[in-house]
Amino acid sequence: MRSRQMDCDSPESFDERILGSGDFVDSLRQEETLRPRIHAPVELSELVKHVSEKFQVEAEKVKRPSKTRHLAEARGVVCYLAVRQLGYRGAEVGKELHRGPTGVSIAVRRGEKSIVNYRDIESWVLANR
């Protein structure tokens, strides 16, 4: 059984097409026959690039540690879209953005609040799924 603390720090895998827990989604992704149907069609690097263009910053700056509000907001939007809309695991997103699970979890929550100002980015992601 996973601890409550672990649940707060690690965003669960998510795929709106699948009814079940994050662990269940992860187990389905491991199935060889299902992997091509469940894998997110938008690559993380492509998502970072697109969000960076919308925020008018370099993609590498979004990936580097920085507490600059504009960069943190861009990172939050990337994390929110990757985890909640595209179904990436927090660990995958963390690896791309050089963040730990807690950092990704915080960024997902920040991105969830920020996405209301960037519906065009969310529309782009949903159209390319």
Protein backbone atom coordinates (compact mmCIF):
# COMPACT_ATOMS: atom_id res chain seq x y z
CA MET A 1 0.00 0.00 0.00
CA ARG A 2 1.39 3.41 -0.94
CA SER A 3 1.65 6.04 1.73
CA ARG A 4 -0.42 9.19 1.62
CA GLN A 5 2.77 11.30 1.49
CA MET A 6 3.93 9.47 -1.63
CA ASP A 7 0.59 10.13 -3.30
CA CYS A 8 0.95 13.86 -2.67
CA ASP A 9 4.48 14.06 -4.06
CA SER A 10 4.10 11.86 -7.13
CA PRO A 11 1.48 12.70 -9.72
CA GLU A 12 -0.35 9.56 -10.72
CA SER A 13 -0.39 8.45 -14.32
CA PHE A 14 -3.56 9.51 -16.00
CA ASP A 15 -5.36 8.79 -19.25
CA GLU A 16 -8.91 10.05 -19.64
CA ARG A 17 -9.65 7.13 -21.98
CA ILE A 18 -9.02 4.60 -19.18
CA LEU A 19 -11.13 4.18 -16.06
CA GLY A 20 -8.86 3.18 -13.21
CA SER A 21 -6.07 4.23 -10.91
CA GLY A 22 -2.67 5.53 -11.98
CA ASP A 23 -1.15 2.13 -11.15
CA PHE A 24 -3.70 0.49 -13.45
CA VAL A 25 -2.85 2.92 -16.27
CA ASP A 26 0.86 2.15 -15.75
CA SER A 27 0.20 -1.59 -15.90
CA LEU A 28 -1.67 -1.21 -19.18
CA ARG A 29 1.22 0.78 -20.64
CA GLN A 30 3.50 -2.14 -19.88
CA GLU A 31 1.39 -4.53 -21.96
CA GLU A 32 3.17 -5.00 -25.29
CA THR A 33 -0.06 -5.25 -27.33
CA LEU A 34 -1.59 -2.10 -25.79
CA ARG A 35 1.49 0.15 -25.72
CA PRO A 36 1.01 1.65 -29.22
CA ARG A 37 -2.63 2.48 -28.50
CA ILE A 38 -2.01 4.11 -25.12
CA HIS A 39 1.25 5.98 -25.79
CA ALA A 40 0.87 9.74 -25.96
CA PRO A 41 1.26 10.91 -29.58
CA VAL A 42 2.83 14.23 -28.55
CA GLU A 43 6.46 13.78 -27.51
CA LEU A 44 7.56 15.64 -24.38
CA SER A 45 10.28 17.51 -26.26
CA GLU A 46 7.69 18.66 -28.81
CA LEU A 47 5.38 19.80 -25.99
CA VAL A 48 8.20 21.76 -24.32
CA LYS A 49 9.07 23.39 -27.64
CA HIS A 50 5.45 24.38 -28.36
CA VAL A 51 4.84 25.79 -24.87
CA SER A 52 8.17 27.65 -25.02
CA GLU A 53 7.18 29.28 -28.29
CA LYS A 54 3.86 30.42 -26.80
CA PHE A 55 5.67 31.83 -23.77
CA GLN A 56 8.32 33.36 -26.05
CA VAL A 57 11.24 31.75 -24.22
CA GLU A 58 13.90 29.23 -25.22
CA ALA A 59 12.96 25.60 -24.56
CA GLU A 60 16.25 25.03 -22.74
CA LYS A 61 15.37 27.79 -20.26
CA VAL A 62 12.14 25.99 -19.39
CA LYS A 63 14.19 22.88 -18.63
CA ARG A 64 16.77 24.67 -16.44
CA PRO A 65 16.27 25.37 -12.74
CA SER A 66 14.82 28.84 -12.33
CA LYS A 67 12.30 30.48 -10.07
CA THR A 68 11.53 33.22 -12.56
CA ARG A 69 7.74 33.50 -12.54
CA HIS A 70 7.35 33.35 -16.35
CA LEU A 71 9.57 30.25 -16.68
CA ALA A 72 7.93 28.54 -13.68
CA GLU A 73 4.52 29.18 -15.25
CA ALA A 74 5.67 27.70 -18.58
CA ARG A 75 7.07 24.64 -16.77
CA GLY A 76 3.79 24.28 -14.89
CA VAL A 77 1.80 24.32 -18.12
CA VAL A 78 4.14 21.68 -19.60
CA CYS A 79 3.77 19.48 -16.51
CA TYR A 80 0.00 19.86 -16.34
CA LEU A 81 -0.50 19.04 -20.02
CA ALA A 82 1.97 16.16 -19.98
CA VAL A 83 0.57 14.47 -16.87
CA ARG A 84 -3.13 15.32 -16.98
CA GLN A 85 -3.85 15.57 -20.71
CA LEU A 86 -1.27 13.30 -22.32
CA GLY A 87 -0.97 10.67 -19.61
CA TYR A 88 2.79 10.84 -19.05
CA ARG A 89 4.13 9.62 -15.73
CA GLY A 90 5.54 12.26 -13.43
CA ALA A 91 8.93 10.54 -13.54
CA GLU A 92 9.06 10.86 -17.34
CA VAL A 93 8.22 14.55 -17.17
CA GLY A 94 10.73 15.06 -14.37
CA LYS A 95 13.48 13.49 -16.43
CA GLU A 96 12.72 15.80 -19.37
CA LEU A 97 12.59 18.91 -17.16
CA HIS A 98 15.34 17.93 -14.69
CA ARG A 99 12.92 17.86 -11.77
CA GLY A 100 12.14 15.41 -9.00
CA PRO A 101 8.68 14.00 -8.30
CA THR A 102 7.84 16.73 -5.79
CA GLY A 103 8.82 19.46 -8.25
CA VAL A 104 6.67 17.91 -10.98
CA SER A 105 3.73 17.53 -8.63
CA ILE A 106 3.93 21.18 -7.58
CA ALA A 107 4.31 22.25 -11.20
CA VAL A 108 1.23 20.22 -12.23
CA ARG A 109 -0.85 22.10 -9.67
CA ARG A 110 0.62 25.43 -10.79
CA GLY A 111 -0.07 24.55 -14.42
CA GLU A 112 -3.64 23.58 -13.64
CA LYS A 113 -4.24 27.11 -12.35
CA SER A 114 -2.36 28.75 -15.24
CA ILE A 115 -3.90 26.78 -18.11
CA VAL A 116 -7.03 28.95 -18.06
CA ASN A 117 -4.90 31.69 -19.62
CA TYR A 118 -3.47 29.35 -22.27
CA ARG A 119 -6.43 27.43 -23.68
CA ASP A 120 -4.89 27.67 -27.17
CA ILE A 121 -1.98 25.50 -26.00
CA GLU A 122 -4.36 23.00 -24.44
CA SER A 123 -6.42 22.94 -27.66
CA TRP A 124 -3.25 22.25 -29.67
CA VAL A 125 -2.36 19.33 -27.37
CA LEU A 126 -5.86 17.86 -27.53
CA ALA A 127 -5.97 18.20 -31.32
CA ASN A 128 -2.66 16.36 -31.67
CA ARG A 129 -3.53 13.41 -29.41
